[in-house]
Amino acid sequence: SFKVTKSTLEARPVYLRTQEHINAHFLTCFIALLIARIAELRLGGKYTIAKITETLRKVECSNIDRNLWLFDHIDDAAEDMNAAFGTDFGLKVMSLGDIRKNLGLAKRG
């Protein structure tokens, strides 16, 4: 977990001085690690946290019109994440309303 936090989640170096800021940084890192471990478990251990974060960094969308967005990356890990989390992102055009609905359904799942 320390290695994942330090390297994959890029939690270091830290240039903080006050105890409050250090505690906030630690809490943020801990929550990020917890979310990553939950994702890893929900995907059945098929992907490492490094692969999950790599895929999530590549999943992007481009605004192609006033209310239309193109999701222009999909791979096996992204497809499995869509299935595990109830999302539907990948090589498709969606309106902003569809994106919000999709994220709302994922939060409930």
PDB file of N, CA and C in Angstrom:
ATOM      1  N   SER A   1       0.817  -1.199   0.000  1.00  0.00           N
ATOM      2  CA  SER A   1       0.000   0.000   0.000  1.00  0.00           C
ATOM      3  C   SER A   1       0.860   1.262   0.000  1.00  0.00           C
ATOM      4  N   PHE A   2       1.988   1.224   0.756  1.00  0.00           N
ATOM      5  CA  PHE A   2       2.866   2.387   0.784  1.00  0.00           C
ATOM      6  C   PHE A   2       3.437   2.661  -0.597  1.00  0.00           C
ATOM      7  N   LYS A   3       3.874   1.600  -1.283  1.00  0.00           N
ATOM      8  CA  LYS A   3       4.449   1.759  -2.622  1.00  0.00           C
ATOM      9  C   LYS A   3       3.412   2.320  -3.592  1.00  0.00           C
ATOM     10  N   VAL A   4       2.184   1.797  -3.535  1.00  0.00           N
ATOM     11  CA  VAL A   4       1.110   2.289  -4.414  1.00  0.00           C
ATOM     12  C   VAL A   4       0.844   3.760  -4.141  1.00  0.00           C
ATOM     13  N   THR A   5       0.746   4.110  -2.866  1.00  0.00           N
ATOM     14  CA  THR A   5       0.469   5.498  -2.500  1.00  0.00           C
ATOM     15  C   THR A   5       1.585   6.415  -2.973  1.00  0.00           C
ATOM     16  N   LYS A   6       2.811   5.994  -2.788  1.00  0.00           N
ATOM     17  CA  LYS A   6       3.952   6.842  -3.126  1.00  0.00           C
ATOM     18  C   LYS A   6       4.178   6.951  -4.635  1.00  0.00           C
ATOM     19  N   SER A   7       4.089   5.829  -5.349  1.00  0.00           N
ATOM     20  CA  SER A   7       4.413   5.862  -6.771  1.00  0.00           C
ATOM     21  C   SER A   7       3.187   6.031  -7.671  1.00  0.00           C
ATOM     22  N   THR A   8       2.265   5.093  -7.627  1.00  0.00           N
ATOM     23  CA  THR A   8       1.123   5.119  -8.543  1.00  0.00           C
ATOM     24  C   THR A   8       0.211   6.313  -8.296  1.00  0.00           C
ATOM     25  N   LEU A   9      -0.108   6.576  -7.036  1.00  0.00           N
ATOM     26  CA  LEU A   9      -1.000   7.691  -6.713  1.00  0.00           C
ATOM     27  C   LEU A   9      -0.255   9.016  -6.568  1.00  0.00           C
ATOM     28  N   GLU A  10       1.078   8.964  -6.697  1.00  0.00           N
ATOM     29  CA  GLU A  10       1.945  10.152  -6.695  1.00  0.00           C
ATOM     30  C   GLU A  10       1.721  11.047  -5.480  1.00  0.00           C
ATOM     31  N   ALA A  11       1.738  10.451  -4.292  1.00  0.00           N
ATOM     32  CA  ALA A  11       1.489  11.197  -3.060  1.00  0.00           C
ATOM     33  C   ALA A  11       2.724  11.935  -2.544  1.00  0.00           C
ATOM     34  N   ARG A  12       3.870  11.729  -3.158  1.00  0.00           N
ATOM     35  CA  ARG A  12       5.086  12.372  -2.699  1.00  0.00           C
ATOM     36  C   ARG A  12       5.748  13.076  -3.861  1.00  0.00           C
ATOM     37  N   PRO A  13       6.558  14.046  -3.717  1.00  0.00           N
ATOM     38  CA  PRO A  13       6.985  14.661  -2.460  1.00  0.00           C
ATOM     39  C   PRO A  13       5.923  15.612  -1.910  1.00  0.00           C
ATOM     40  N   VAL A  14       6.027  15.861  -0.639  1.00  0.00           N
ATOM     41  CA  VAL A  14       5.070  16.727   0.048  1.00  0.00           C
ATOM     42  C   VAL A  14       5.833  17.890   0.663  1.00  0.00           C
ATOM     43  N   TYR A  15       5.401  19.083   0.365  1.00  0.00           N
ATOM     44  CA  TYR A  15       6.040  20.281   0.911  1.00  0.00           C
ATOM     45  C   TYR A  15       5.032  21.020   1.787  1.00  0.00           C
ATOM     46  N   LEU A  16       4.691  20.428   2.892  1.00  0.00           N
ATOM     47  CA  LEU A  16       3.718  21.020   3.801  1.00  0.00           C
ATOM     48  C   LEU A  16       4.387  21.302   5.137  1.00  0.00           C
ATOM     49  N   ARG A  17       3.917  22.325   5.820  1.00  0.00           N
ATOM     50  CA  ARG A  17       4.547  22.698   7.082  1.00  0.00           C
ATOM     51  C   ARG A  17       3.629  22.557   8.282  1.00  0.00           C
ATOM     52  N   THR A  18       2.384  22.946   8.119  1.00  0.00           N
ATOM     53  CA  THR A  18       1.507  22.930   9.284  1.00  0.00           C
ATOM     54  C   THR A  18       0.937  21.527   9.502  1.00  0.00           C
ATOM     55  N   GLN A  19       0.697  21.208  10.748  1.00  0.00           N
ATOM     56  CA  GLN A  19       0.149  19.892  11.085  1.00  0.00           C
ATOM     57  C   GLN A  19      -1.206  19.677  10.418  1.00  0.00           C
ATOM     58  N   GLU A  20      -2.006  20.729  10.339  1.00  0.00           N
ATOM     59  CA  GLU A  20      -3.323  20.637   9.706  1.00  0.00           C
ATOM     60  C   GLU A  20      -3.202  20.255   8.233  1.00  0.00           C
ATOM     61  N   HIS A  21      -2.273  20.858   7.515  1.00  0.00           N
ATOM     62  CA  HIS A  21      -2.078  20.544   6.097  1.00  0.00           C
ATOM     63  C   HIS A  21      -1.514  19.141   5.910  1.00  0.00           C
ATOM     64  N   ILE A  22      -0.614  18.734   6.768  1.00  0.00           N
ATOM     65  CA  ILE A  22      -0.051  17.380   6.701  1.00  0.00           C
ATOM     66  C   ILE A  22      -1.154  16.351   6.939  1.00  0.00           C
ATOM     67  N   ASN A  23      -1.990  16.590   7.944  1.00  0.00           N
ATOM     68  CA  ASN A  23      -3.099  15.676   8.225  1.00  0.00           C
ATOM     69  C   ASN A  23      -4.081  15.615   7.051  1.00  0.00           C
ATOM     70  N   ALA A  24      -4.371  16.757   6.446  1.00  0.00           N
ATOM     71  CA  ALA A  24      -5.289  16.791   5.305  1.00  0.00           C
ATOM     72  C   ALA A  24      -4.707  16.014   4.125  1.00  0.00           C
ATOM     73  N   HIS A  25      -3.410  16.170   3.892  1.00  0.00           N
ATOM     74  CA  HIS A  25      -2.749  15.449   2.806  1.00  0.00           C
ATOM     75  C   HIS A  25      -2.795  13.940   3.068  1.00  0.00           C
ATOM     76  N   PHE A  26      -2.505  13.540   4.291  1.00  0.00           N
ATOM     77  CA  PHE A  26      -2.545  12.123   4.643  1.00  0.00           C
ATOM     78  C   PHE A  26      -3.952  11.559   4.441  1.00  0.00           C
ATOM     79  N   LEU A  27      -4.962  12.296   4.875  1.00  0.00           N
ATOM     80  CA  LEU A  27      -6.344  11.842   4.713  1.00  0.00           C
ATOM     81  C   LEU A  27      -6.699  11.691   3.232  1.00  0.00           C
ATOM     82  N   THR A  28      -6.304  12.658   2.422  1.00  0.00           N
ATOM     83  CA  THR A  28      -6.568  12.594   0.984  1.00  0.00           C
ATOM     84  C   THR A  28      -5.902  11.368   0.361  1.00  0.00           C
ATOM     85  N   CYS A  29      -4.651  11.119   0.737  1.00  0.00           N
ATOM     86  CA  CYS A  29      -3.929   9.950   0.215  1.00  0.00           C
ATOM     87  C   CYS A  29      -4.601   8.653   0.662  1.00  0.00           C
ATOM     88  N   PHE A  30      -5.033   8.612   1.909  1.00  0.00           N
ATOM     89  CA  PHE A  30      -5.685   7.417   2.434  1.00  0.00           C
ATOM     90  C   PHE A  30      -6.995   7.146   1.706  1.00  0.00           C
ATOM     91  N   ILE A  31      -7.778   8.182   1.463  1.00  0.00           N
ATOM     92  CA  ILE A  31      -9.049   8.017   0.750  1.00  0.00           C
ATOM     93  C   ILE A  31      -8.792   7.566  -0.690  1.00  0.00           C
ATOM     94  N   ALA A  32      -7.776   8.137  -1.338  1.00  0.00           N
ATOM     95  CA  ALA A  32      -7.435   7.728  -2.701  1.00  0.00           C
ATOM     96  C   ALA A  32      -7.042   6.253  -2.736  1.00  0.00           C
ATOM     97  N   LEU A  33      -6.254   5.821  -1.764  1.00  0.00           N
ATOM     98  CA  LEU A  33      -5.850   4.420  -1.692  1.00  0.00           C
ATOM     99  C   LEU A  33      -7.067   3.529  -1.445  1.00  0.00           C
ATOM    100  N   LEU A  34      -7.955   3.944  -0.578  1.00  0.00           N
ATOM    101  CA  LEU A  34      -9.162   3.175  -0.287  1.00  0.00           C
ATOM    102  C   LEU A  34     -10.026   3.021  -1.540  1.00  0.00           C
ATOM    103  N   ILE A  35     -10.226   4.096  -2.264  1.00  0.00           N
ATOM    104  CA  ILE A  35     -11.016   4.045  -3.503  1.00  0.00           C
ATOM    105  C   ILE A  35     -10.335   3.127  -4.524  1.00  0.00           C
ATOM    106  N   ALA A  36      -9.021   3.229  -4.627  1.00  0.00           N
ATOM    107  CA  ALA A  36      -8.282   2.375  -5.566  1.00  0.00           C
ATOM    108  C   ALA A  36      -8.418   0.905  -5.193  1.00  0.00           C
ATOM    109  N   ARG A  37      -8.322   0.592  -3.906  1.00  0.00           N
ATOM    110  CA  ARG A  37      -8.461  -0.807  -3.455  1.00  0.00           C
ATOM    111  C   ARG A  37      -9.884  -1.321  -3.691  1.00  0.00           C
ATOM    112  N   ILE A  38     -10.882  -0.475  -3.475  1.00  0.00           N
ATOM    113  CA  ILE A  38     -12.266  -0.875  -3.743  1.00  0.00           C
ATOM    114  C   ILE A  38     -12.449  -1.158  -5.232  1.00  0.00           C
ATOM    115  N   ALA A  39     -11.890  -0.301  -6.074  1.00  0.00           N
ATOM    116  CA  ALA A  39     -11.975  -0.524  -7.525  1.00  0.00           C
ATOM    117  C   ALA A  39     -11.295  -1.838  -7.893  1.00  0.00           C
ATOM    118  N   GLU A  40     -10.148  -2.077  -7.322  1.00  0.00           N
ATOM    119  CA  GLU A  40      -9.411  -3.314  -7.584  1.00  0.00           C
ATOM    120  C   GLU A  40     -10.260  -4.535  -7.189  1.00  0.00           C
ATOM    121  N   LEU A  41     -10.917  -4.472  -6.040  1.00  0.00           N
ATOM    122  CA  LEU A  41     -11.773  -5.572  -5.583  1.00  0.00           C
ATOM    123  C   LEU A  41     -13.004  -5.737  -6.471  1.00  0.00           C
ATOM    124  N   ARG A  42     -13.632  -4.624  -6.832  1.00  0.00           N
ATOM    125  CA  ARG A  42     -14.839  -4.685  -7.678  1.00  0.00           C
ATOM    126  C   ARG A  42     -14.529  -5.275  -9.056  1.00  0.00           C
ATOM    127  N   LEU A  43     -13.274  -5.127  -9.478  1.00  0.00           N
ATOM    128  CA  LEU A  43     -12.850  -5.684 -10.771  1.00  0.00           C
ATOM    129  C   LEU A  43     -12.297  -7.102 -10.617  1.00  0.00           C
ATOM    130  N   GLY A  44     -12.462  -7.670  -9.437  1.00  0.00           N
ATOM    131  CA  GLY A  44     -12.070  -9.053  -9.203  1.00  0.00           C
ATOM    132  C   GLY A  44     -10.576  -9.302  -9.202  1.00  0.00           C
ATOM    133  N   GLY A  45      -9.780  -8.277  -8.967  1.00  0.00           N
ATOM    134  CA  GLY A  45      -8.330  -8.442  -8.957  1.00  0.00           C
ATOM    135  C   GLY A  45      -7.726  -8.650 -10.339  1.00  0.00           C
ATOM    136  N   LYS A  46      -8.522  -8.427 -11.365  1.00  0.00           N
ATOM    137  CA  LYS A  46      -8.060  -8.635 -12.747  1.00  0.00           C
ATOM    138  C   LYS A  46      -7.019  -7.588 -13.162  1.00  0.00           C
ATOM    139  N   TYR A  47      -7.114  -6.392 -12.574  1.00  0.00           N
ATOM    140  CA  TYR A  47      -6.212  -5.302 -12.941  1.00  0.00           C
ATOM    141  C   TYR A  47      -5.522  -4.761 -11.692  1.00  0.00           C
ATOM    142  N   THR A  48      -4.293  -4.341 -11.861  1.00  0.00           N
ATOM    143  CA  THR A  48      -3.574  -3.699 -10.763  1.00  0.00           C
ATOM    144  C   THR A  48      -4.055  -2.263 -10.623  1.00  0.00           C
ATOM    145  N   ILE A  49      -3.744  -1.658  -9.502  1.00  0.00           N
ATOM    146  CA  ILE A  49      -4.096  -0.250  -9.310  1.00  0.00           C
ATOM    147  C   ILE A  49      -3.380   0.609 -10.341  1.00  0.00           C
ATOM    148  N   ALA A  50      -2.172   0.232 -10.703  1.00  0.00           N
ATOM    149  CA  ALA A  50      -1.433   0.986 -11.724  1.00  0.00           C
ATOM    150  C   ALA A  50      -2.184   0.972 -13.052  1.00  0.00           C
ATOM    151  N   LYS A  51      -2.714  -0.190 -13.450  1.00  0.00           N
ATOM    152  CA  LYS A  51      -3.460  -0.293 -14.710  1.00  0.00           C
ATOM    153  C   LYS A  51      -4.777   0.478 -14.627  1.00  0.00           C
ATOM    154  N   ILE A  52      -5.446   0.401 -13.486  1.00  0.00           N
ATOM    155  CA  ILE A  52      -6.710   1.121 -13.302  1.00  0.00           C
ATOM    156  C   ILE A  52      -6.485   2.621 -13.426  1.00  0.00           C
ATOM    157  N   THR A  53      -5.466   3.148 -12.741  1.00  0.00           N
ATOM    158  CA  THR A  53      -5.207   4.592 -12.812  1.00  0.00           C
ATOM    159  C   THR A  53      -4.735   5.003 -14.203  1.00  0.00           C
ATOM    160  N   GLU A  54      -3.952   4.158 -14.856  1.00  0.00           N
ATOM    161  CA  GLU A  54      -3.508   4.458 -16.225  1.00  0.00           C
ATOM    162  C   GLU A  54      -4.714   4.576 -17.156  1.00  0.00           C
ATOM    163  N   THR A  55      -5.629   3.639 -17.052  1.00  0.00           N
ATOM    164  CA  THR A  55      -6.829   3.669 -17.889  1.00  0.00           C
ATOM    165  C   THR A  55      -7.675   4.895 -17.586  1.00  0.00           C
ATOM    166  N   LEU A  56      -7.888   5.183 -16.298  1.00  0.00           N
ATOM    167  CA  LEU A  56      -8.708   6.338 -15.936  1.00  0.00           C
ATOM    168  C   LEU A  56      -8.094   7.649 -16.411  1.00  0.00           C
ATOM    169  N   ARG A  57      -6.774   7.728 -16.438  1.00  0.00           N
ATOM    170  CA  ARG A  57      -6.120   8.942 -16.941  1.00  0.00           C
ATOM    171  C   ARG A  57      -6.312   9.109 -18.442  1.00  0.00           C
ATOM    172  N   LYS A  58      -6.494   8.004 -19.150  1.00  0.00           N
ATOM    173  CA  LYS A  58      -6.674   8.061 -20.607  1.00  0.00           C
ATOM    174  C   LYS A  58      -8.123   8.317 -21.011  1.00  0.00           C
ATOM    175  N   VAL A  59      -9.067   7.973 -20.151  1.00  0.00           N
ATOM    176  CA  VAL A  59     -10.478   8.186 -20.484  1.00  0.00           C
ATOM    177  C   VAL A  59     -10.760   9.681 -20.424  1.00  0.00           C
ATOM    178  N   GLU A  60     -10.991  10.243 -21.571  1.00  0.00           N
ATOM    179  CA  GLU A  60     -11.234  11.678 -21.690  1.00  0.00           C
ATOM    180  C   GLU A  60     -12.422  11.902 -22.607  1.00  0.00           C
ATOM    181  N   CYS A  61     -12.896  13.111 -22.580  1.00  0.00           N
ATOM    182  CA  CYS A  61     -13.924  13.469 -23.548  1.00  0.00           C
ATOM    183  C   CYS A  61     -13.588  14.830 -24.129  1.00  0.00           C
ATOM    184  N   SER A  62     -14.012  15.009 -25.353  1.00  0.00           N
ATOM    185  CA  SER A  62     -13.775  16.263 -26.071  1.00  0.00           C
ATOM    186  C   SER A  62     -15.116  16.880 -26.426  1.00  0.00           C
ATOM    187  N   ASN A  63     -15.204  18.171 -26.247  1.00  0.00           N
ATOM    188  CA  ASN A  63     -16.425  18.884 -26.602  1.00  0.00           C
ATOM    189  C   ASN A  63     -16.454  19.047 -28.113  1.00  0.00           C
ATOM    190  N   ILE A  64     -17.461  18.451 -28.755  1.00  0.00           N
ATOM    191  CA  ILE A  64     -17.549  18.542 -30.213  1.00  0.00           C
ATOM    192  C   ILE A  64     -18.654  19.489 -30.674  1.00  0.00           C
ATOM    193  N   ASP A  65     -19.533  19.839 -29.754  1.00  0.00           N
ATOM    194  CA  ASP A  65     -20.608  20.770 -30.042  1.00  0.00           C
ATOM    195  C   ASP A  65     -21.046  21.366 -28.710  1.00  0.00           C
ATOM    196  N   ARG A  66     -21.934  22.307 -28.750  1.00  0.00           N
ATOM    197  CA  ARG A  66     -22.355  23.003 -27.529  1.00  0.00           C
ATOM    198  C   ARG A  66     -22.731  22.042 -26.399  1.00  0.00           C
ATOM    199  N   ASN A  67     -23.457  20.991 -26.698  1.00  0.00           N
ATOM    200  CA  ASN A  67     -23.928  20.080 -25.661  1.00  0.00           C
ATOM    201  C   ASN A  67     -23.558  18.624 -25.960  1.00  0.00           C
ATOM    202  N   LEU A  68     -22.591  18.399 -26.837  1.00  0.00           N
ATOM    203  CA  LEU A  68     -22.200  17.035 -27.177  1.00  0.00           C
ATOM    204  C   LEU A  68     -20.730  16.810 -26.867  1.00  0.00           C
ATOM    205  N   TRP A  69     -20.463  15.665 -26.253  1.00  0.00           N
ATOM    206  CA  TRP A  69     -19.112  15.301 -25.843  1.00  0.00           C
ATOM    207  C   TRP A  69     -18.759  13.936 -26.413  1.00  0.00           C
ATOM    208  N   LEU A  70     -17.538  13.812 -26.928  1.00  0.00           N
ATOM    209  CA  LEU A  70     -17.047  12.563 -27.489  1.00  0.00           C
ATOM    210  C   LEU A  70     -16.084  11.913 -26.506  1.00  0.00           C
ATOM    211  N   PHE A  71     -16.430  10.723 -26.031  1.00  0.00           N
ATOM    212  CA  PHE A  71     -15.513   9.932 -25.216  1.00  0.00           C
ATOM    213  C   PHE A  71     -14.678   9.114 -26.186  1.00  0.00           C
ATOM    214  N   ASP A  72     -13.364   9.374 -26.171  1.00  0.00           N
ATOM    215  CA  ASP A  72     -12.530   8.858 -27.248  1.00  0.00           C
ATOM    216  C   ASP A  72     -11.470   7.844 -26.815  1.00  0.00           C
ATOM    217  N   HIS A  73     -11.680   7.159 -25.711  1.00  0.00           N
ATOM    218  CA  HIS A  73     -10.760   6.090 -25.318  1.00  0.00           C
ATOM    219  C   HIS A  73     -11.534   4.951 -24.677  1.00  0.00           C
ATOM    220  N   ILE A  74     -11.200   3.746 -25.083  1.00  0.00           N
ATOM    221  CA  ILE A  74     -11.765   2.565 -24.443  1.00  0.00           C
ATOM    222  C   ILE A  74     -10.735   1.440 -24.571  1.00  0.00           C
ATOM    223  N   ASP A  75     -10.590   0.685 -23.527  1.00  0.00           N
ATOM    224  CA  ASP A  75      -9.767  -0.517 -23.555  1.00  0.00           C
ATOM    225  C   ASP A  75     -10.459  -1.566 -22.685  1.00  0.00           C
ATOM    226  N   ASP A  76      -9.847  -2.725 -22.547  1.00  0.00           N
ATOM    227  CA  ASP A  76     -10.486  -3.798 -21.771  1.00  0.00           C
ATOM    228  C   ASP A  76     -10.761  -3.385 -20.334  1.00  0.00           C
ATOM    229  N   ALA A  77      -9.813  -2.686 -19.725  1.00  0.00           N
ATOM    230  CA  ALA A  77      -9.988  -2.261 -18.339  1.00  0.00           C
ATOM    231  C   ALA A  77     -11.147  -1.273 -18.218  1.00  0.00           C
ATOM    232  N   ALA A  78     -11.254  -0.344 -19.158  1.00  0.00           N
ATOM    233  CA  ALA A  78     -12.360   0.632 -19.131  1.00  0.00           C
ATOM    234  C   ALA A  78     -13.699  -0.072 -19.330  1.00  0.00           C
ATOM    235  N   GLU A  79     -13.744  -1.046 -20.219  1.00  0.00           N
ATOM    236  CA  GLU A  79     -14.989  -1.792 -20.424  1.00  0.00           C
ATOM    237  C   GLU A  79     -15.377  -2.555 -19.158  1.00  0.00           C
ATOM    238  N   ASP A  80     -14.394  -3.157 -18.494  1.00  0.00           N
ATOM    239  CA  ASP A  80     -14.677  -3.870 -17.251  1.00  0.00           C
ATOM    240  C   ASP A  80     -15.116  -2.916 -16.149  1.00  0.00           C
ATOM    241  N   MET A  81     -14.525  -1.715 -16.103  1.00  0.00           N
ATOM    242  CA  MET A  81     -14.950  -0.717 -15.122  1.00  0.00           C
ATOM    243  C   MET A  81     -16.381  -0.263 -15.402  1.00  0.00           C
ATOM    244  N   ASN A  82     -16.718  -0.081 -16.676  1.00  0.00           N
ATOM    245  CA  ASN A  82     -18.094   0.266 -17.030  1.00  0.00           C
ATOM    246  C   ASN A  82     -19.062  -0.796 -16.503  1.00  0.00           C
ATOM    247  N   ALA A  83     -18.707  -2.059 -16.676  1.00  0.00           N
ATOM    248  CA  ALA A  83     -19.574  -3.147 -16.226  1.00  0.00           C
ATOM    249  C   ALA A  83     -19.644  -3.204 -14.697  1.00  0.00           C
ATOM    250  N   ALA A  84     -18.509  -3.036 -14.037  1.00  0.00           N
ATOM    251  CA  ALA A  84     -18.456  -3.159 -12.575  1.00  0.00           C
ATOM    252  C   ALA A  84     -19.129  -1.995 -11.867  1.00  0.00           C
ATOM    253  N   PHE A  85     -19.045  -0.797 -12.436  1.00  0.00           N
ATOM    254  CA  PHE A  85     -19.559   0.390 -11.764  1.00  0.00           C
ATOM    255  C   PHE A  85     -20.842   0.939 -12.381  1.00  0.00           C
ATOM    256  N   GLY A  86     -21.355   0.271 -13.407  1.00  0.00           N
ATOM    257  CA  GLY A  86     -22.621   0.702 -14.004  1.00  0.00           C
ATOM    258  C   GLY A  86     -22.511   1.972 -14.815  1.00  0.00           C
ATOM    259  N   THR A  87     -21.341   2.243 -15.348  1.00  0.00           N
ATOM    260  CA  THR A  87     -21.168   3.419 -16.205  1.00  0.00           C
ATOM    261  C   THR A  87     -21.205   2.980 -17.657  1.00  0.00           C
ATOM    262  N   ASP A  88     -21.169   3.939 -18.551  1.00  0.00           N
ATOM    263  CA  ASP A  88     -21.228   3.626 -19.979  1.00  0.00           C
ATOM    264  C   ASP A  88     -20.398   4.641 -20.752  1.00  0.00           C
ATOM    265  N   PHE A  89     -19.114   4.722 -20.413  1.00  0.00           N
ATOM    266  CA  PHE A  89     -18.220   5.647 -21.103  1.00  0.00           C
ATOM    267  C   PHE A  89     -17.322   4.869 -22.053  1.00  0.00           C
ATOM    268  N   GLY A  90     -17.183   5.359 -23.239  1.00  0.00           N
ATOM    269  CA  GLY A  90     -16.281   4.743 -24.201  1.00  0.00           C
ATOM    270  C   GLY A  90     -16.743   4.986 -25.618  1.00  0.00           C
ATOM    271  N   LEU A  91     -15.863   5.436 -26.453  1.00  0.00           N
ATOM    272  CA  LEU A  91     -16.064   5.635 -27.881  1.00  0.00           C
ATOM    273  C   LEU A  91     -17.502   5.933 -28.276  1.00  0.00           C
ATOM    274  N   LYS A  92     -18.045   6.984 -27.688  1.00  0.00           N
ATOM    275  CA  LYS A  92     -19.409   7.378 -28.011  1.00  0.00           C
ATOM    276  C   LYS A  92     -19.606   8.855 -27.762  1.00  0.00           C
ATOM    277  N   VAL A  93     -20.659   9.396 -28.329  1.00  0.00           N
ATOM    278  CA  VAL A  93     -21.027  10.790 -28.150  1.00  0.00           C
ATOM    279  C   VAL A  93     -22.180  10.837 -27.148  1.00  0.00           C
ATOM    280  N   MET A  94     -22.048  11.732 -26.164  1.00  0.00           N
ATOM    281  CA  MET A  94     -23.086  11.869 -25.137  1.00  0.00           C
ATOM    282  C   MET A  94     -23.368  13.347 -24.905  1.00  0.00           C
ATOM    283  N   SER A  95     -24.614  13.633 -24.524  1.00  0.00           N
ATOM    284  CA  SER A  95     -24.951  15.000 -24.130  1.00  0.00           C
ATOM    285  C   SER A  95     -24.565  15.181 -22.668  1.00  0.00           C
ATOM    286  N   LEU A  96     -24.488  16.408 -22.231  1.00  0.00           N
ATOM    287  CA  LEU A  96     -24.143  16.692 -20.839  1.00  0.00           C
ATOM    288  C   LEU A  96     -25.164  16.059 -19.896  1.00  0.00           C
ATOM    289  N   GLY A  97     -26.429  16.067 -20.275  1.00  0.00           N
ATOM    290  CA  GLY A  97     -27.476  15.436 -19.467  1.00  0.00           C
ATOM    291  C   GLY A  97     -27.262  13.933 -19.338  1.00  0.00           C
ATOM    292  N   ASP A  98     -26.866  13.295 -20.448  1.00  0.00           N
ATOM    293  CA  ASP A  98     -26.590  11.857 -20.414  1.00  0.00           C
ATOM    294  C   ASP A  98     -25.400  11.546 -19.506  1.00  0.00           C
ATOM    295  N   ILE A  99     -24.384  12.389 -19.554  1.00  0.00           N
ATOM    296  CA  ILE A  99     -23.202  12.193 -18.710  1.00  0.00           C
ATOM    297  C   ILE A  99     -23.589  12.300 -17.241  1.00  0.00           C
ATOM    298  N   ARG A 100     -24.364  13.319 -16.897  1.00  0.00           N
ATOM    299  CA  ARG A 100     -24.798  13.493 -15.505  1.00  0.00           C
ATOM    300  C   ARG A 100     -25.647  12.310 -15.035  1.00  0.00           C
ATOM    301  N   LYS A 101     -26.536  11.846 -15.891  1.00  0.00           N
ATOM    302  CA  LYS A 101     -27.379  10.698 -15.553  1.00  0.00           C
ATOM    303  C   LYS A 101     -26.510   9.464 -15.323  1.00  0.00           C
ATOM    304  N   ASN A 102     -25.552   9.246 -16.197  1.00  0.00           N
ATOM    305  CA  ASN A 102     -24.635   8.121 -16.111  1.00  0.00           C
ATOM    306  C   ASN A 102     -23.854   8.137 -14.798  1.00  0.00           C
ATOM    307  N   LEU A 103     -23.327   9.298 -14.433  1.00  0.00           N
ATOM    308  CA  LEU A 103     -22.577   9.416 -13.179  1.00  0.00           C
ATOM    309  C   LEU A 103     -23.493   9.242 -11.965  1.00  0.00           C
ATOM    310  N   GLY A 104     -24.710   9.742 -12.056  1.00  0.00           N
ATOM    311  CA  GLY A 104     -25.667   9.574 -10.958  1.00  0.00           C
ATOM    312  C   GLY A 104     -26.000   8.121 -10.726  1.00  0.00           C
ATOM    313  N   LEU A 105     -26.174   7.362 -11.793  1.00  0.00           N
ATOM    314  CA  LEU A 105     -26.459   5.925 -11.666  1.00  0.00           C
ATOM    315  C   LEU A 105     -25.265   5.198 -11.062  1.00  0.00           C
ATOM    316  N   ALA A 106     -24.055   5.613 -11.434  1.00  0.00           N
ATOM    317  CA  ALA A 106     -22.847   4.962 -10.896  1.00  0.00           C
ATOM    318  C   ALA A 106     -22.702   5.232  -9.409  1.00  0.00           C
ATOM    319  N   LYS A 107     -23.067   6.425  -8.958  1.00  0.00           N
ATOM    320  CA  LYS A 107     -22.961   6.757  -7.534  1.00  0.00           C
ATOM    321  C   LYS A 107     -23.914   5.921  -6.695  1.00  0.00           C
ATOM    322  N   ARG A 108     -25.084   5.614  -7.250  1.00  0.00           N
ATOM    323  CA  ARG A 108     -26.060   4.815  -6.508  1.00  0.00           C
ATOM    324  C   ARG A 108     -25.683   3.352  -6.464  1.00  0.00           C
ATOM    325  N   GLY A 109     -24.926   2.887  -7.490  1.00  0.00           N
ATOM    326  CA  GLY A 109     -24.580   1.472  -7.604  1.00  0.00           C
ATOM    327  C   GLY A 109     -23.533   1.079  -6.661  1.00  0.00           C
TER     328      GLY A 109
END
